[in-house]
Amino acid sequence: MADVANKYPDNAPGKYYVDNQCIDCDLCRETAPDNFMRNEDGGYSYVSKQPATPEEEERCKEAKEACPVEAIGDDGA
């Protein structure tokens, strides 16, 4: 389970975030490409933009649920 205390500083402020458990598998970027990006230097994903539409919200939720290492968090904000 993602830990807000270990979230990457690149994450856009808001509900969703990626923490330091990310293994850079690309699943979230494939699932929600409008909301997740890769930090090229660090080799991890982060939330580049919080969901702004119901469709983006659904894709972010899907990415969170599918993350193999549970690195995507949702603080419920």
N, C-alpha and C. Protein backbone atom coordinates (compact mmCIF):
# COMPACT_ATOMS: atom_id res chain seq x y z
N MET A 1 0.84 -1.19 0.00
CA MET A 1 0.00 0.00 0.00
C MET A 1 0.88 1.25 0.00
N ALA A 2 0.54 2.19 -0.86
CA ALA A 2 1.32 3.42 -0.98
C ALA A 2 1.30 4.21 0.33
N ASP A 3 2.40 4.87 0.60
CA ASP A 3 2.55 5.63 1.83
C ASP A 3 2.78 7.10 1.49
N VAL A 4 1.86 7.95 1.93
CA VAL A 4 1.95 9.38 1.62
C VAL A 4 3.26 9.99 2.12
N ALA A 5 3.83 9.42 3.16
CA ALA A 5 5.10 9.93 3.69
C ALA A 5 6.26 9.67 2.73
N ASN A 6 6.09 8.72 1.81
CA ASN A 6 7.15 8.37 0.87
C ASN A 6 6.82 8.77 -0.57
N LYS A 7 5.85 9.67 -0.75
CA LYS A 7 5.49 10.05 -2.11
C LYS A 7 6.57 10.92 -2.73
N TYR A 8 6.68 10.81 -4.04
CA TYR A 8 7.67 11.61 -4.77
C TYR A 8 7.25 13.07 -4.81
N PRO A 9 8.21 13.98 -4.73
CA PRO A 9 7.88 15.42 -4.76
C PRO A 9 7.37 15.89 -6.12
N ASP A 10 7.60 15.11 -7.17
CA ASP A 10 7.14 15.47 -8.52
C ASP A 10 5.62 15.42 -8.64
N ASN A 11 4.95 14.66 -7.78
CA ASN A 11 3.51 14.48 -7.88
C ASN A 11 2.77 15.81 -7.85
N ALA A 12 1.80 15.95 -8.76
CA ALA A 12 0.94 17.13 -8.74
C ALA A 12 0.12 17.11 -7.44
N PRO A 13 -0.08 18.26 -6.81
CA PRO A 13 -0.87 18.28 -5.58
C PRO A 13 -2.27 17.74 -5.81
N GLY A 14 -2.76 16.97 -4.85
CA GLY A 14 -4.12 16.44 -4.95
C GLY A 14 -4.23 15.02 -4.47
N LYS A 15 -5.31 14.41 -4.84
CA LYS A 15 -5.73 13.10 -4.36
C LYS A 15 -4.74 11.96 -4.65
N TYR A 16 -4.32 11.83 -5.89
CA TYR A 16 -3.46 10.70 -6.28
C TYR A 16 -1.98 11.06 -6.18
N TYR A 17 -1.18 10.04 -5.89
CA TYR A 17 0.28 10.22 -5.82
C TYR A 17 0.95 8.87 -6.05
N VAL A 18 2.24 8.91 -6.36
CA VAL A 18 3.06 7.71 -6.49
C VAL A 18 4.16 7.80 -5.44
N ASP A 19 4.42 6.69 -4.76
CA ASP A 19 5.47 6.71 -3.73
C ASP A 19 6.71 5.96 -4.22
N ASN A 20 7.69 5.83 -3.33
CA ASN A 20 9.00 5.30 -3.71
C ASN A 20 9.02 3.78 -3.92
N GLN A 21 7.88 3.13 -3.91
CA GLN A 21 7.82 1.70 -4.21
C GLN A 21 7.73 1.45 -5.72
N CYS A 22 7.55 2.51 -6.50
CA CYS A 22 7.38 2.40 -7.96
C CYS A 22 8.55 1.66 -8.59
N ILE A 23 8.24 0.69 -9.46
CA ILE A 23 9.27 -0.08 -10.16
C ILE A 23 9.36 0.30 -11.64
N ASP A 24 8.72 1.39 -12.01
CA ASP A 24 8.80 1.91 -13.38
C ASP A 24 8.34 0.89 -14.41
N CYS A 25 7.22 0.23 -14.13
CA CYS A 25 6.72 -0.82 -15.03
C CYS A 25 5.93 -0.27 -16.21
N ASP A 26 5.54 1.01 -16.16
CA ASP A 26 4.83 1.69 -17.24
C ASP A 26 3.32 1.44 -17.24
N LEU A 27 2.81 0.61 -16.36
CA LEU A 27 1.38 0.30 -16.38
C LEU A 27 0.52 1.54 -16.18
N CYS A 28 0.85 2.38 -15.23
CA CYS A 28 0.02 3.57 -14.97
C CYS A 28 0.08 4.55 -16.14
N ARG A 29 1.24 4.67 -16.76
CA ARG A 29 1.39 5.58 -17.90
C ARG A 29 0.62 5.07 -19.10
N GLU A 30 0.51 3.75 -19.24
CA GLU A 30 -0.29 3.16 -20.31
C GLU A 30 -1.78 3.29 -20.02
N THR A 31 -2.15 3.13 -18.76
CA THR A 31 -3.56 3.15 -18.36
C THR A 31 -4.12 4.57 -18.33
N ALA A 32 -3.36 5.50 -17.80
CA ALA A 32 -3.82 6.89 -17.66
C ALA A 32 -2.73 7.84 -18.15
N PRO A 33 -2.48 7.86 -19.46
CA PRO A 33 -1.36 8.65 -20.00
C PRO A 33 -1.50 10.15 -19.80
N ASP A 34 -2.71 10.64 -19.60
CA ASP A 34 -2.90 12.07 -19.37
C ASP A 34 -2.55 12.49 -17.95
N ASN A 35 -2.38 11.49 -17.06
CA ASN A 35 -2.20 11.80 -15.65
C ASN A 35 -0.89 11.33 -15.04
N PHE A 36 -0.22 10.40 -15.69
CA PHE A 36 1.05 9.88 -15.17
C PHE A 36 2.16 10.14 -16.17
N MET A 37 3.33 10.50 -15.64
CA MET A 37 4.52 10.68 -16.46
C MET A 37 5.68 9.95 -15.81
N ARG A 38 6.77 9.83 -16.57
CA ARG A 38 7.97 9.17 -16.06
C ARG A 38 9.02 10.21 -15.73
N ASN A 39 9.65 10.05 -14.58
CA ASN A 39 10.82 10.84 -14.24
C ASN A 39 12.00 10.10 -14.87
N GLU A 40 12.54 10.68 -15.95
CA GLU A 40 13.60 10.02 -16.70
C GLU A 40 14.86 9.81 -15.88
N ASP A 41 15.20 10.78 -15.05
CA ASP A 41 16.43 10.67 -14.25
C ASP A 41 16.29 9.65 -13.13
N GLY A 42 15.12 9.61 -12.50
CA GLY A 42 14.92 8.73 -11.36
C GLY A 42 14.39 7.35 -11.72
N GLY A 43 13.80 7.21 -12.91
CA GLY A 43 13.27 5.92 -13.31
C GLY A 43 12.04 5.51 -12.53
N TYR A 44 11.09 6.42 -12.41
CA TYR A 44 9.84 6.12 -11.74
C TYR A 44 8.72 6.98 -12.33
N SER A 45 7.49 6.58 -12.06
CA SER A 45 6.33 7.34 -12.51
C SER A 45 5.88 8.28 -11.40
N TYR A 46 5.15 9.31 -11.81
CA TYR A 46 4.54 10.22 -10.85
C TYR A 46 3.26 10.78 -11.46
N VAL A 47 2.43 11.36 -10.62
CA VAL A 47 1.19 11.97 -11.09
C VAL A 47 1.53 13.36 -11.61
N SER A 48 1.41 13.52 -12.92
CA SER A 48 1.74 14.80 -13.54
C SER A 48 0.56 15.75 -13.52
N LYS A 49 -0.64 15.18 -13.48
CA LYS A 49 -1.87 15.99 -13.48
C LYS A 49 -2.96 15.19 -12.78
N GLN A 50 -3.62 15.81 -11.83
CA GLN A 50 -4.73 15.16 -11.16
C GLN A 50 -5.90 15.03 -12.13
N PRO A 51 -6.73 14.00 -11.97
CA PRO A 51 -7.86 13.82 -12.89
C PRO A 51 -8.82 15.00 -12.84
N ALA A 52 -9.25 15.42 -14.05
CA ALA A 52 -10.14 16.58 -14.17
C ALA A 52 -11.50 16.20 -14.73
N THR A 53 -11.63 14.96 -15.20
CA THR A 53 -12.90 14.50 -15.77
C THR A 53 -13.25 13.15 -15.16
N PRO A 54 -14.50 12.73 -15.26
CA PRO A 54 -14.85 11.39 -14.76
C PRO A 54 -14.05 10.28 -15.45
N GLU A 55 -13.74 10.47 -16.73
CA GLU A 55 -12.96 9.47 -17.46
C GLU A 55 -11.54 9.38 -16.91
N GLU A 56 -10.92 10.53 -16.66
CA GLU A 56 -9.57 10.53 -16.09
C GLU A 56 -9.59 9.93 -14.68
N GLU A 57 -10.60 10.24 -13.91
CA GLU A 57 -10.73 9.68 -12.56
C GLU A 57 -10.80 8.15 -12.64
N GLU A 58 -11.58 7.65 -13.56
CA GLU A 58 -11.73 6.20 -13.72
C GLU A 58 -10.41 5.56 -14.13
N ARG A 59 -9.68 6.19 -15.03
CA ARG A 59 -8.39 5.64 -15.47
C ARG A 59 -7.36 5.66 -14.34
N CYS A 60 -7.36 6.72 -13.54
CA CYS A 60 -6.44 6.79 -12.40
C CYS A 60 -6.77 5.72 -11.36
N LYS A 61 -8.04 5.52 -11.14
CA LYS A 61 -8.48 4.48 -10.19
C LYS A 61 -8.07 3.10 -10.71
N GLU A 62 -8.24 2.90 -12.00
CA GLU A 62 -7.85 1.63 -12.62
C GLU A 62 -6.34 1.41 -12.49
N ALA A 63 -5.55 2.46 -12.73
CA ALA A 63 -4.10 2.35 -12.60
C ALA A 63 -3.71 2.02 -11.16
N LYS A 64 -4.35 2.67 -10.20
CA LYS A 64 -4.07 2.41 -8.79
C LYS A 64 -4.35 0.95 -8.44
N GLU A 65 -5.49 0.46 -8.87
CA GLU A 65 -5.88 -0.92 -8.55
C GLU A 65 -5.00 -1.96 -9.24
N ALA A 66 -4.46 -1.61 -10.41
CA ALA A 66 -3.65 -2.55 -11.18
C ALA A 66 -2.16 -2.50 -10.84
N CYS A 67 -1.72 -1.47 -10.14
CA CYS A 67 -0.30 -1.32 -9.84
C CYS A 67 0.24 -2.57 -9.14
N PRO A 68 1.26 -3.23 -9.74
CA PRO A 68 1.74 -4.48 -9.17
C PRO A 68 2.43 -4.36 -7.81
N VAL A 69 2.90 -3.17 -7.47
CA VAL A 69 3.58 -3.00 -6.18
C VAL A 69 2.83 -2.02 -5.26
N GLU A 70 1.60 -1.66 -5.65
CA GLU A 70 0.76 -0.77 -4.85
C GLU A 70 1.45 0.55 -4.53
N ALA A 71 2.13 1.12 -5.55
CA ALA A 71 2.86 2.37 -5.34
C ALA A 71 2.00 3.62 -5.56
N ILE A 72 0.77 3.42 -6.04
CA ILE A 72 -0.12 4.55 -6.29
C ILE A 72 -1.06 4.69 -5.11
N GLY A 73 -1.08 5.91 -4.56
CA GLY A 73 -1.94 6.18 -3.42
C GLY A 73 -3.07 7.11 -3.77
N ASP A 74 -4.07 7.10 -2.92
CA ASP A 74 -5.25 7.94 -3.06
C ASP A 74 -5.58 8.42 -1.66
N ASP A 75 -5.29 9.69 -1.39
CA ASP A 75 -5.52 10.18 -0.03
C ASP A 75 -6.96 10.62 0.21
N GLY A 76 -7.81 10.40 -0.79
CA GLY A 76 -9.22 10.68 -0.62
C GLY A 76 -9.59 12.15 -0.65
N ALA A 77 -8.64 13.02 -0.97
CA ALA A 77 -8.92 14.47 -0.98
C ALA A 77 -9.93 14.83 -2.05
